[in-house]
């Protein structure tokens, strides 16, 4: 899955607006909101996975 630039920006804004207490446990690590945004912006493997999960969620909502 390849996210468009707009989808990536939307996911980052969505993460910026979620409560800072939300964390993601994934691939043996725990990521804060800031960590998730950083990983997405750096285009790391974890960032790509987080982006894919978020985009899939948003696309699913759009279908409803």
N, C-alpha and C. Protein backbone atom coordinates (compact mmCIF):
# COMPACT_ATOMS: atom_id res chain seq x y z
N UNK A 1 0.84 -1.17 0.00
CA UNK A 1 0.00 0.00 0.00
C UNK A 1 0.89 1.24 0.00
N UNK A 2 0.57 2.14 -0.87
CA UNK A 2 1.29 3.40 -0.92
C UNK A 2 0.30 4.50 -0.57
N UNK A 3 0.65 5.27 0.45
CA UNK A 3 -0.21 6.38 0.86
C UNK A 3 0.15 7.62 0.05
N UNK A 4 -0.84 8.37 -0.31
CA UNK A 4 -0.59 9.63 -1.01
C UNK A 4 -0.04 10.65 -0.02
N UNK A 5 0.49 11.72 -0.56
CA UNK A 5 1.01 12.80 0.29
C UNK A 5 -0.10 13.36 1.17
N UNK A 6 -1.29 13.50 0.60
CA UNK A 6 -2.43 14.03 1.35
C UNK A 6 -2.83 13.09 2.49
N UNK A 7 -2.81 11.78 2.22
CA UNK A 7 -3.15 10.81 3.26
C UNK A 7 -2.13 10.85 4.39
N UNK A 8 -0.86 10.96 4.03
CA UNK A 8 0.21 11.04 5.03
C UNK A 8 0.02 12.28 5.90
N UNK A 9 -0.27 13.41 5.28
CA UNK A 9 -0.50 14.65 6.03
C UNK A 9 -1.72 14.53 6.93
N UNK A 10 -2.77 13.89 6.43
CA UNK A 10 -3.99 13.70 7.22
C UNK A 10 -3.71 12.83 8.45
N UNK A 11 -2.96 11.75 8.25
CA UNK A 11 -2.63 10.87 9.37
C UNK A 11 -1.81 11.62 10.41
N UNK A 12 -0.83 12.40 9.98
CA UNK A 12 0.00 13.15 10.92
C UNK A 12 -0.86 14.15 11.70
N UNK A 13 -1.76 14.86 11.03
CA UNK A 13 -2.64 15.81 11.72
C UNK A 13 -3.57 15.08 12.68
N UNK A 14 -4.06 13.93 12.26
CA UNK A 14 -4.94 13.14 13.12
C UNK A 14 -4.19 12.72 14.39
N UNK A 15 -2.95 12.28 14.23
CA UNK A 15 -2.16 11.88 15.39
C UNK A 15 -1.86 13.07 16.30
N UNK A 16 -1.60 14.22 15.72
CA UNK A 16 -1.32 15.42 16.52
C UNK A 16 -2.51 15.80 17.39
N UNK A 17 -3.70 15.45 16.95
CA UNK A 17 -4.92 15.85 17.65
C UNK A 17 -5.49 14.77 18.58
N UNK A 18 -4.82 13.64 18.66
CA UNK A 18 -5.30 12.62 19.59
C UNK A 18 -4.69 12.86 20.97
N UNK A 19 -5.30 12.35 22.01
CA UNK A 19 -4.76 12.54 23.36
C UNK A 19 -3.32 12.02 23.46
N UNK A 20 -2.48 12.75 24.15
CA UNK A 20 -1.07 12.38 24.25
C UNK A 20 -0.86 11.11 25.08
N UNK A 21 -1.90 10.66 25.75
CA UNK A 21 -1.79 9.45 26.57
C UNK A 21 -1.90 8.16 25.75
N UNK A 22 -2.31 8.29 24.49
CA UNK A 22 -2.46 7.11 23.63
C UNK A 22 -1.08 6.65 23.18
N UNK A 23 -0.86 5.34 23.30
CA UNK A 23 0.40 4.74 22.87
C UNK A 23 0.09 3.54 21.99
N UNK A 24 1.07 3.16 21.18
CA UNK A 24 0.94 2.01 20.31
C UNK A 24 2.01 1.01 20.68
N UNK A 25 1.61 -0.21 21.00
CA UNK A 25 2.55 -1.30 21.22
C UNK A 25 2.62 -2.09 19.92
N UNK A 26 3.79 -2.10 19.31
CA UNK A 26 3.93 -2.73 17.99
C UNK A 26 5.37 -3.17 17.77
N UNK A 27 5.54 -4.35 17.25
CA UNK A 27 6.86 -4.88 16.87
C UNK A 27 7.87 -4.81 18.02
N UNK A 28 7.41 -5.13 19.22
CA UNK A 28 8.32 -5.16 20.36
C UNK A 28 8.64 -3.82 20.97
N UNK A 29 7.98 -2.76 20.52
CA UNK A 29 8.22 -1.43 21.05
C UNK A 29 6.93 -0.74 21.45
N UNK A 30 7.07 0.31 22.22
CA UNK A 30 5.92 1.14 22.59
C UNK A 30 6.18 2.54 22.06
N UNK A 31 5.23 3.07 21.32
CA UNK A 31 5.40 4.35 20.63
C UNK A 31 4.38 5.36 21.13
N UNK A 32 4.87 6.52 21.54
CA UNK A 32 3.99 7.63 21.92
C UNK A 32 3.50 8.30 20.63
N UNK A 33 2.58 9.21 20.79
CA UNK A 33 2.11 9.96 19.62
C UNK A 33 3.26 10.65 18.92
N UNK A 34 4.14 11.30 19.69
CA UNK A 34 5.29 11.98 19.09
C UNK A 34 6.19 11.00 18.36
N UNK A 35 6.39 9.82 18.95
CA UNK A 35 7.21 8.79 18.31
C UNK A 35 6.60 8.36 16.98
N UNK A 36 5.27 8.15 16.99
CA UNK A 36 4.59 7.71 15.77
C UNK A 36 4.74 8.75 14.67
N UNK A 37 4.55 10.01 15.00
CA UNK A 37 4.69 11.08 14.01
C UNK A 37 6.12 11.12 13.48
N UNK A 38 7.08 11.02 14.37
CA UNK A 38 8.49 11.04 13.97
C UNK A 38 8.82 9.88 13.04
N UNK A 39 8.35 8.70 13.37
CA UNK A 39 8.62 7.52 12.53
C UNK A 39 8.00 7.68 11.14
N UNK A 40 6.79 8.24 11.08
CA UNK A 40 6.14 8.47 9.79
C UNK A 40 6.91 9.50 8.99
N UNK A 41 7.30 10.60 9.63
CA UNK A 41 8.03 11.66 8.92
C UNK A 41 9.40 11.18 8.44
N UNK A 42 10.05 10.32 9.20
CA UNK A 42 11.37 9.78 8.81
C UNK A 42 11.26 8.66 7.79
N UNK A 43 10.04 8.20 7.52
CA UNK A 43 9.78 7.15 6.55
C UNK A 43 10.49 5.84 6.91
N UNK A 44 10.51 5.52 8.22
CA UNK A 44 11.11 4.27 8.68
C UNK A 44 10.16 3.11 8.41
N UNK A 45 10.64 1.89 8.58
CA UNK A 45 9.78 0.73 8.40
C UNK A 45 8.59 0.77 9.35
N UNK A 46 8.85 1.10 10.62
CA UNK A 46 7.75 1.21 11.59
C UNK A 46 6.81 2.34 11.19
N UNK A 47 7.37 3.46 10.75
CA UNK A 47 6.55 4.59 10.30
C UNK A 47 5.65 4.20 9.14
N UNK A 48 6.18 3.41 8.22
CA UNK A 48 5.37 2.94 7.08
C UNK A 48 4.24 2.03 7.55
N UNK A 49 4.52 1.18 8.53
CA UNK A 49 3.49 0.29 9.06
C UNK A 49 2.41 1.08 9.79
N UNK A 50 2.81 2.07 10.58
CA UNK A 50 1.85 2.91 11.30
C UNK A 50 0.98 3.65 10.29
N UNK A 51 1.62 4.22 9.29
CA UNK A 51 0.89 4.96 8.25
C UNK A 51 -0.10 4.04 7.54
N UNK A 52 0.33 2.83 7.20
CA UNK A 52 -0.55 1.89 6.53
C UNK A 52 -1.76 1.53 7.40
N UNK A 53 -1.53 1.29 8.68
CA UNK A 53 -2.63 0.98 9.59
C UNK A 53 -3.63 2.13 9.65
N UNK A 54 -3.11 3.35 9.78
CA UNK A 54 -3.98 4.52 9.90
C UNK A 54 -4.76 4.78 8.61
N UNK A 55 -4.07 4.66 7.47
CA UNK A 55 -4.73 4.90 6.17
C UNK A 55 -5.80 3.84 5.93
N UNK A 56 -5.50 2.59 6.24
CA UNK A 56 -6.50 1.52 6.08
C UNK A 56 -7.73 1.81 6.93
N UNK A 57 -7.52 2.27 8.15
CA UNK A 57 -8.62 2.62 9.04
C UNK A 57 -9.46 3.75 8.43
N UNK A 58 -8.79 4.80 7.95
CA UNK A 58 -9.51 5.93 7.37
C UNK A 58 -10.27 5.53 6.10
N UNK A 59 -9.65 4.69 5.28
CA UNK A 59 -10.31 4.23 4.06
C UNK A 59 -11.53 3.39 4.41
N UNK A 60 -11.43 2.59 5.45
CA UNK A 60 -12.56 1.78 5.90
C UNK A 60 -13.73 2.69 6.35
N UNK A 61 -13.41 3.73 7.08
CA UNK A 61 -14.44 4.66 7.53
C UNK A 61 -15.12 5.36 6.36
N UNK A 62 -14.32 5.67 5.36
CA UNK A 62 -14.84 6.38 4.18
C UNK A 62 -15.88 5.53 3.45
N UNK A 63 -15.70 4.21 3.48
CA UNK A 63 -16.63 3.30 2.78
C UNK A 63 -17.99 3.23 3.45
N UNK A 64 -18.04 3.53 4.72
CA UNK A 64 -19.31 3.40 5.46
C UNK A 64 -20.25 4.54 5.21
